[in-house]
Protein backbone atom coordinates (compact mmCIF):
# COMPACT_ATOMS: atom_id res chain seq x y z
CA MET A 1 16.95 26.38 -136.61
CA HIS A 2 15.54 29.69 -136.36
CA GLU A 3 13.96 31.85 -139.41
CA ASN A 4 16.72 34.22 -139.89
CA ASP A 5 18.71 32.00 -139.34
CA ARG A 6 17.54 29.80 -141.81
CA HIS A 7 17.37 32.95 -144.40
CA ARG A 8 21.14 33.87 -143.69
CA VAL A 9 21.97 30.49 -144.95
CA ILE A 10 20.25 30.54 -148.06
CA LEU A 11 21.47 33.11 -148.72
CA SER A 12 24.95 32.55 -148.24
CA ALA A 13 24.48 29.35 -150.14
CA VAL A 14 23.25 31.18 -153.01
CA GLN A 15 25.70 33.62 -153.62
CA ASP A 16 28.73 30.78 -152.64
CA ARG A 17 27.06 28.50 -155.55
CA SER A 18 26.16 28.60 -159.01
CA LEU A 19 23.57 25.75 -158.47
CA VAL A 20 21.78 25.30 -155.16
CA THR A 21 18.79 22.96 -154.73
CA VAL A 22 16.08 23.01 -152.30
CA ILE A 23 17.22 19.54 -151.50
CA ASP A 24 20.54 21.27 -150.68
CA LEU A 25 19.38 23.96 -149.02
CA CYS A 26 16.89 21.33 -146.48
CA THR A 27 20.22 19.47 -146.26
CA LEU A 28 22.19 22.44 -144.62
CA THR A 29 19.70 24.11 -142.67
CA GLY A 30 17.81 20.91 -141.23
CA ALA A 31 14.43 22.03 -142.55
CA SER A 32 11.71 20.41 -144.83
CA GLU A 33 10.99 21.44 -148.30
CA ALA A 34 8.23 22.73 -147.56
CA THR A 35 9.50 24.97 -145.39
CA VAL A 36 12.64 26.15 -147.13
CA ARG A 37 10.01 26.62 -150.36
CA ARG A 38 8.57 28.86 -148.12
CA ASP A 39 11.64 31.20 -147.19
CA ILE A 40 12.71 31.40 -150.50
CA ASN A 41 9.25 32.39 -151.40
CA THR A 42 9.66 35.62 -148.50
CA LEU A 43 13.25 36.23 -149.84
CA ASP A 44 12.16 36.66 -153.32
CA GLU A 45 9.06 38.65 -152.04
CA GLN A 46 11.74 40.68 -149.71
CA LYS A 47 13.44 41.03 -153.43
CA ARG A 48 16.66 39.59 -151.25
CA LEU A 49 16.97 36.50 -153.54
CA ARG A 50 17.51 36.30 -157.30
């Protein structure tokens, strides 16, 4: 899955649920924990994830 697609999935999951784990996001995106954590950091830096 491309980075932009992962970001959309992560943002959608966070909006839909009160609690989302890195493992949940790995399952949803098919990405590794390291990749998901990097994506979370990127989204946080962009102020898109709070």
